[in-house]
Amino acid sequence: MTNEDIKQMNNKELHANLREERKQLAKLKFNHAVSPIENPGKIRESRKIVARLMTEINARSKAASSSAN
């Protein structure tokens, strides 16, 4: 998921994808703790996607609150 894809999403889609990606990250971490997964780079990539989604959500909420003032 690229930044361009994220910017094209509406707020509802952003929150849905964030929820889904957080579930995926928790699942990956749990599976890795139980037995090492084949590609631990997936955990890093999942964390980055969560961070990108959170960054866009926070930027939009900040822009909405500053435009309201």
PDB file of N, CA and C in Angstrom:
ATOM      1  N   MET A   1       0.852  -1.168   0.000  1.00  0.00           N
ATOM      2  CA  MET A   1       0.000   0.000   0.000  1.00  0.00           C
ATOM      3  C   MET A   1       0.901   1.235   0.000  1.00  0.00           C
ATOM      4  N   THR A   2       0.724   2.051  -1.021  1.00  0.00           N
ATOM      5  CA  THR A   2       1.573   3.225  -1.150  1.00  0.00           C
ATOM      6  C   THR A   2       0.889   4.453  -0.558  1.00  0.00           C
ATOM      7  N   ASN A   3       1.655   5.513  -0.404  1.00  0.00           N
ATOM      8  CA  ASN A   3       1.098   6.751   0.135  1.00  0.00           C
ATOM      9  C   ASN A   3       0.011   7.310  -0.778  1.00  0.00           C
ATOM     10  N   GLU A   4       0.171   7.140  -2.085  1.00  0.00           N
ATOM     11  CA  GLU A   4      -0.841   7.635  -3.017  1.00  0.00           C
ATOM     12  C   GLU A   4      -2.161   6.904  -2.812  1.00  0.00           C
ATOM     13  N   ASP A   5      -2.081   5.590  -2.586  1.00  0.00           N
ATOM     14  CA  ASP A   5      -3.287   4.800  -2.319  1.00  0.00           C
ATOM     15  C   ASP A   5      -3.979   5.287  -1.049  1.00  0.00           C
ATOM     16  N   ILE A   6      -3.183   5.563  -0.043  1.00  0.00           N
ATOM     17  CA  ILE A   6      -3.722   5.998   1.244  1.00  0.00           C
ATOM     18  C   ILE A   6      -4.390   7.360   1.117  1.00  0.00           C
ATOM     19  N   LYS A   7      -3.780   8.258   0.387  1.00  0.00           N
ATOM     20  CA  LYS A   7      -4.339   9.612   0.236  1.00  0.00           C
ATOM     21  C   LYS A   7      -5.651   9.612  -0.545  1.00  0.00           C
ATOM     22  N   GLN A   8      -5.862   8.618  -1.393  1.00  0.00           N
ATOM     23  CA  GLN A   8      -7.084   8.549  -2.183  1.00  0.00           C
ATOM     24  C   GLN A   8      -8.260   7.960  -1.403  1.00  0.00           C
ATOM     25  N   MET A   9      -8.001   7.346  -0.260  1.00  0.00           N
ATOM     26  CA  MET A   9      -9.062   6.735   0.533  1.00  0.00           C
ATOM     27  C   MET A   9      -9.852   7.797   1.285  1.00  0.00           C
ATOM     28  N   ASN A  10     -11.118   7.480   1.546  1.00  0.00           N
ATOM     29  CA  ASN A  10     -11.891   8.375   2.400  1.00  0.00           C
ATOM     30  C   ASN A  10     -11.646   7.977   3.859  1.00  0.00           C
ATOM     31  N   ASN A  11     -12.166   8.761   4.797  1.00  0.00           N
ATOM     32  CA  ASN A  11     -11.890   8.527   6.218  1.00  0.00           C
ATOM     33  C   ASN A  11     -12.383   7.167   6.691  1.00  0.00           C
ATOM     34  N   LYS A  12     -13.543   6.762   6.211  1.00  0.00           N
ATOM     35  CA  LYS A  12     -14.099   5.471   6.626  1.00  0.00           C
ATOM     36  C   LYS A  12     -13.191   4.324   6.189  1.00  0.00           C
ATOM     37  N   GLU A  13     -12.707   4.392   4.955  1.00  0.00           N
ATOM     38  CA  GLU A  13     -11.796   3.365   4.450  1.00  0.00           C
ATOM     39  C   GLU A  13     -10.484   3.360   5.225  1.00  0.00           C
ATOM     40  N   LEU A  14      -9.982   4.550   5.563  1.00  0.00           N
ATOM     41  CA  LEU A  14      -8.731   4.642   6.328  1.00  0.00           C
ATOM     42  C   LEU A  14      -8.863   3.922   7.667  1.00  0.00           C
ATOM     43  N   HIS A  15      -9.947   4.204   8.372  1.00  0.00           N
ATOM     44  CA  HIS A  15     -10.140   3.583   9.682  1.00  0.00           C
ATOM     45  C   HIS A  15     -10.349   2.072   9.564  1.00  0.00           C
ATOM     46  N   ALA A  16     -11.045   1.636   8.534  1.00  0.00           N
ATOM     47  CA  ALA A  16     -11.256   0.204   8.324  1.00  0.00           C
ATOM     48  C   ALA A  16      -9.930  -0.496   8.018  1.00  0.00           C
ATOM     49  N   ASN A  17      -9.127   0.119   7.147  1.00  0.00           N
ATOM     50  CA  ASN A  17      -7.823  -0.470   6.816  1.00  0.00           C
ATOM     51  C   ASN A  17      -6.888  -0.472   8.017  1.00  0.00           C
ATOM     52  N   LEU A  18      -6.963   0.565   8.831  1.00  0.00           N
ATOM     53  CA  LEU A  18      -6.128   0.623  10.024  1.00  0.00           C
ATOM     54  C   LEU A  18      -6.489  -0.507  10.981  1.00  0.00           C
ATOM     55  N   ARG A  19      -7.787  -0.709  11.191  1.00  0.00           N
ATOM     56  CA  ARG A  19      -8.242  -1.782  12.068  1.00  0.00           C
ATOM     57  C   ARG A  19      -7.759  -3.141  11.559  1.00  0.00           C
ATOM     58  N   GLU A  20      -7.917  -3.355  10.251  1.00  0.00           N
ATOM     59  CA  GLU A  20      -7.528  -4.626   9.642  1.00  0.00           C
ATOM     60  C   GLU A  20      -6.009  -4.827   9.716  1.00  0.00           C
ATOM     61  N   GLU A  21      -5.249  -3.787   9.451  1.00  0.00           N
ATOM     62  CA  GLU A  21      -3.785  -3.894   9.471  1.00  0.00           C
ATOM     63  C   GLU A  21      -3.273  -4.140  10.890  1.00  0.00           C
ATOM     64  N   ARG A  22      -3.918  -3.529  11.884  1.00  0.00           N
ATOM     65  CA  ARG A  22      -3.519  -3.781  13.272  1.00  0.00           C
ATOM     66  C   ARG A  22      -3.788  -5.228  13.671  1.00  0.00           C
ATOM     67  N   LYS A  23      -4.903  -5.787  13.200  1.00  0.00           N
ATOM     68  CA  LYS A  23      -5.189  -7.200  13.462  1.00  0.00           C
ATOM     69  C   LYS A  23      -4.125  -8.078  12.832  1.00  0.00           C
ATOM     70  N   GLN A  24      -3.772  -7.745  11.597  1.00  0.00           N
ATOM     71  CA  GLN A  24      -2.753  -8.508  10.878  1.00  0.00           C
ATOM     72  C   GLN A  24      -1.409  -8.435  11.602  1.00  0.00           C
ATOM     73  N   LEU A  25      -1.047  -7.255  12.092  1.00  0.00           N
ATOM     74  CA  LEU A  25       0.215  -7.086  12.807  1.00  0.00           C
ATOM     75  C   LEU A  25       0.227  -7.903  14.091  1.00  0.00           C
ATOM     76  N   ALA A  26      -0.865  -7.870  14.834  1.00  0.00           N
ATOM     77  CA  ALA A  26      -0.943  -8.650  16.071  1.00  0.00           C
ATOM     78  C   ALA A  26      -0.816 -10.142  15.780  1.00  0.00           C
ATOM     79  N   LYS A  27      -1.457 -10.583  14.715  1.00  0.00           N
ATOM     80  CA  LYS A  27      -1.396 -11.995  14.325  1.00  0.00           C
ATOM     81  C   LYS A  27       0.034 -12.393  13.947  1.00  0.00           C
ATOM     82  N   LEU A  28       0.707 -11.527  13.171  1.00  0.00           N
ATOM     83  CA  LEU A  28       2.086 -11.803  12.782  1.00  0.00           C
ATOM     84  C   LEU A  28       3.006 -11.869  13.999  1.00  0.00           C
ATOM     85  N   LYS A  29       2.840 -10.934  14.919  1.00  0.00           N
ATOM     86  CA  LYS A  29       3.678 -10.923  16.123  1.00  0.00           C
ATOM     87  C   LYS A  29       3.463 -12.176  16.958  1.00  0.00           C
ATOM     88  N   PHE A  30       2.199 -12.565  17.106  1.00  0.00           N
ATOM     89  CA  PHE A  30       1.894 -13.761  17.888  1.00  0.00           C
ATOM     90  C   PHE A  30       2.496 -14.994  17.232  1.00  0.00           C
ATOM     91  N   ASN A  31       2.287 -15.150  15.931  1.00  0.00           N
ATOM     92  CA  ASN A  31       2.837 -16.303  15.221  1.00  0.00           C
ATOM     93  C   ASN A  31       4.356 -16.335  15.289  1.00  0.00           C
ATOM     94  N   HIS A  32       4.980 -15.172  15.247  1.00  0.00           N
ATOM     95  CA  HIS A  32       6.437 -15.108  15.315  1.00  0.00           C
ATOM     96  C   HIS A  32       6.942 -15.460  16.715  1.00  0.00           C
ATOM     97  N   ALA A  33       6.176 -15.120  17.735  1.00  0.00           N
ATOM     98  CA  ALA A  33       6.567 -15.445  19.103  1.00  0.00           C
ATOM     99  C   ALA A  33       6.461 -16.947  19.358  1.00  0.00           C
ATOM    100  N   VAL A  34       5.449 -17.572  18.784  1.00  0.00           N
ATOM    101  CA  VAL A  34       5.243 -19.004  18.975  1.00  0.00           C
ATOM    102  C   VAL A  34       6.309 -19.796  18.230  1.00  0.00           C
ATOM    103  N   SER A  35       6.450 -19.511  16.959  1.00  0.00           N
ATOM    104  CA  SER A  35       7.516 -20.131  16.170  1.00  0.00           C
ATOM    105  C   SER A  35       7.926 -19.136  15.106  1.00  0.00           C
ATOM    106  N   PRO A  36       9.213 -18.981  14.864  1.00  0.00           N
ATOM    107  CA  PRO A  36       9.688 -17.964  13.924  1.00  0.00           C
ATOM    108  C   PRO A  36       9.012 -18.093  12.548  1.00  0.00           C
ATOM    109  N   ILE A  37       8.505 -16.977  12.064  1.00  0.00           N
ATOM    110  CA  ILE A  37       7.866 -17.009  10.749  1.00  0.00           C
ATOM    111  C   ILE A  37       8.934 -16.981   9.668  1.00  0.00           C
ATOM    112  N   GLU A  38       8.526 -17.368   8.485  1.00  0.00           N
ATOM    113  CA  GLU A  38       9.464 -17.503   7.379  1.00  0.00           C
ATOM    114  C   GLU A  38      10.102 -16.174   6.983  1.00  0.00           C
ATOM    115  N   ASN A  39       9.283 -15.106   6.968  1.00  0.00           N
ATOM    116  CA  ASN A  39       9.791 -13.804   6.543  1.00  0.00           C
ATOM    117  C   ASN A  39       9.444 -12.758   7.612  1.00  0.00           C
ATOM    118  N   PRO A  40      10.352 -12.517   8.565  1.00  0.00           N
ATOM    119  CA  PRO A  40      10.066 -11.536   9.614  1.00  0.00           C
ATOM    120  C   PRO A  40       9.986 -10.098   9.093  1.00  0.00           C
ATOM    121  N   GLY A  41      10.373  -9.868   7.870  1.00  0.00           N
ATOM    122  CA  GLY A  41      10.250  -8.546   7.262  1.00  0.00           C
ATOM    123  C   GLY A  41       8.798  -8.124   7.105  1.00  0.00           C
ATOM    124  N   LYS A  42       7.891  -9.106   7.103  1.00  0.00           N
ATOM    125  CA  LYS A  42       6.461  -8.806   7.010  1.00  0.00           C
ATOM    126  C   LYS A  42       5.998  -7.995   8.222  1.00  0.00           C
ATOM    127  N   ILE A  43       6.588  -8.264   9.378  1.00  0.00           N
ATOM    128  CA  ILE A  43       6.228  -7.532  10.594  1.00  0.00           C
ATOM    129  C   ILE A  43       6.614  -6.067  10.427  1.00  0.00           C
ATOM    130  N   ARG A  44       7.796  -5.822   9.944  1.00  0.00           N
ATOM    131  CA  ARG A  44       8.265  -4.449   9.735  1.00  0.00           C
ATOM    132  C   ARG A  44       7.380  -3.722   8.725  1.00  0.00           C
ATOM    133  N   GLU A  45       7.062  -4.398   7.639  1.00  0.00           N
ATOM    134  CA  GLU A  45       6.224  -3.782   6.604  1.00  0.00           C
ATOM    135  C   GLU A  45       4.829  -3.465   7.152  1.00  0.00           C
ATOM    136  N   SER A  46       4.294  -4.349   7.945  1.00  0.00           N
ATOM    137  CA  SER A  46       2.974  -4.126   8.538  1.00  0.00           C
ATOM    138  C   SER A  46       3.002  -2.928   9.487  1.00  0.00           C
ATOM    139  N   ARG A  47       4.071  -2.814  10.278  1.00  0.00           N
ATOM    140  CA  ARG A  47       4.217  -1.660  11.179  1.00  0.00           C
ATOM    141  C   ARG A  47       4.283  -0.357  10.393  1.00  0.00           C
ATOM    142  N   LYS A  48       4.972  -0.382   9.266  1.00  0.00           N
ATOM    143  CA  LYS A  48       5.094   0.816   8.439  1.00  0.00           C
ATOM    144  C   LYS A  48       3.747   1.217   7.849  1.00  0.00           C
ATOM    145  N   ILE A  49       2.958   0.248   7.441  1.00  0.00           N
ATOM    146  CA  ILE A  49       1.631   0.545   6.891  1.00  0.00           C
ATOM    147  C   ILE A  49       0.742   1.153   7.963  1.00  0.00           C
ATOM    148  N   VAL A  50       0.808   0.608   9.185  1.00  0.00           N
ATOM    149  CA  VAL A  50       0.028   1.173  10.296  1.00  0.00           C
ATOM    150  C   VAL A  50       0.455   2.616  10.527  1.00  0.00           C
ATOM    151  N   ALA A  51       1.738   2.872  10.502  1.00  0.00           N
ATOM    152  CA  ALA A  51       2.244   4.228  10.720  1.00  0.00           C
ATOM    153  C   ALA A  51       1.786   5.175   9.606  1.00  0.00           C
ATOM    154  N   ARG A  52       1.806   4.710   8.364  1.00  0.00           N
ATOM    155  CA  ARG A  52       1.353   5.554   7.251  1.00  0.00           C
ATOM    156  C   ARG A  52      -0.125   5.900   7.397  1.00  0.00           C
ATOM    157  N   LEU A  53      -0.926   4.904   7.766  1.00  0.00           N
ATOM    158  CA  LEU A  53      -2.362   5.141   7.947  1.00  0.00           C
ATOM    159  C   LEU A  53      -2.603   6.126   9.081  1.00  0.00           C
ATOM    160  N   MET A  54      -1.906   5.947  10.192  1.00  0.00           N
ATOM    161  CA  MET A  54      -2.068   6.852  11.335  1.00  0.00           C
ATOM    162  C   MET A  54      -1.624   8.268  10.982  1.00  0.00           C
ATOM    163  N   THR A  55      -0.555   8.391  10.212  1.00  0.00           N
ATOM    164  CA  THR A  55      -0.066   9.701   9.810  1.00  0.00           C
ATOM    165  C   THR A  55      -1.116  10.429   8.981  1.00  0.00           C
ATOM    166  N   GLU A  56      -1.721   9.724   8.044  1.00  0.00           N
ATOM    167  CA  GLU A  56      -2.745  10.353   7.193  1.00  0.00           C
ATOM    168  C   GLU A  56      -3.988  10.716   8.010  1.00  0.00           C
ATOM    169  N   ILE A  57      -4.408   9.843   8.911  1.00  0.00           N
ATOM    170  CA  ILE A  57      -5.573  10.136   9.754  1.00  0.00           C
ATOM    171  C   ILE A  57      -5.303  11.361  10.618  1.00  0.00           C
ATOM    172  N   ASN A  58      -4.127  11.421  11.221  1.00  0.00           N
ATOM    173  CA  ASN A  58      -3.788  12.569  12.067  1.00  0.00           C
ATOM    174  C   ASN A  58      -3.665  13.856  11.263  1.00  0.00           C
ATOM    175  N   ALA A  59      -3.106  13.778  10.067  1.00  0.00           N
ATOM    176  CA  ALA A  59      -2.979  14.969   9.219  1.00  0.00           C
ATOM    177  C   ALA A  59      -4.354  15.493   8.825  1.00  0.00           C
ATOM    178  N   ARG A  60      -5.262  14.594   8.511  1.00  0.00           N
ATOM    179  CA  ARG A  60      -6.608  15.009   8.125  1.00  0.00           C
ATOM    180  C   ARG A  60      -7.364  15.608   9.306  1.00  0.00           C
ATOM    181  N   SER A  61      -7.212  15.015  10.477  1.00  0.00           N
ATOM    182  CA  SER A  61      -7.919  15.572  11.647  1.00  0.00           C
ATOM    183  C   SER A  61      -7.331  16.920  12.030  1.00  0.00           C
ATOM    184  N   LYS A  62      -6.025  17.089  11.891  1.00  0.00           N
ATOM    185  CA  LYS A  62      -5.389  18.358  12.186  1.00  0.00           C
ATOM    186  C   LYS A  62      -5.838  19.425  11.185  1.00  0.00           C
ATOM    187  N   ALA A  63      -5.922  19.062   9.904  1.00  0.00           N
ATOM    188  CA  ALA A  63      -6.362  19.997   8.880  1.00  0.00           C
ATOM    189  C   ALA A  63      -7.824  20.372   9.095  1.00  0.00           C
ATOM    190  N   ALA A  64      -8.638  19.427   9.502  1.00  0.00           N
ATOM    191  CA  ALA A  64     -10.057  19.722   9.737  1.00  0.00           C
ATOM    192  C   ALA A  64     -10.242  20.638  10.942  1.00  0.00           C
ATOM    193  N   SER A  65      -9.435  20.417  11.983  1.00  0.00           N
ATOM    194  CA  SER A  65      -9.564  21.262  13.180  1.00  0.00           C
ATOM    195  C   SER A  65      -8.998  22.654  12.940  1.00  0.00           C
ATOM    196  N   SER A  66      -7.974  22.780  12.113  1.00  0.00           N
ATOM    197  CA  SER A  66      -7.411  24.101  11.848  1.00  0.00           C
ATOM    198  C   SER A  66      -8.307  24.901  10.890  1.00  0.00           C
ATOM    199  N   SER A  67      -9.001  24.213  10.004  1.00  0.00           N
ATOM    200  CA  SER A  67      -9.897  24.912   9.084  1.00  0.00           C
ATOM    201  C   SER A  67     -11.184  25.343   9.791  1.00  0.00           C
ATOM    202  N   ALA A  68     -11.523  24.683  10.883  1.00  0.00           N
ATOM    203  CA  ALA A  68     -12.723  25.036  11.648  1.00  0.00           C
ATOM    204  C   ALA A  68     -12.505  26.302  12.472  1.00  0.00           C
ATOM    205  N   ASN A  69     -11.251  26.614  12.747  1.00  0.00           N
ATOM    206  CA  ASN A  69     -10.962  27.818  13.561  1.00  0.00           C
ATOM    207  C   ASN A  69     -10.945  29.043  12.742  1.00  0.00           C
TER     208      ASN A  69
END
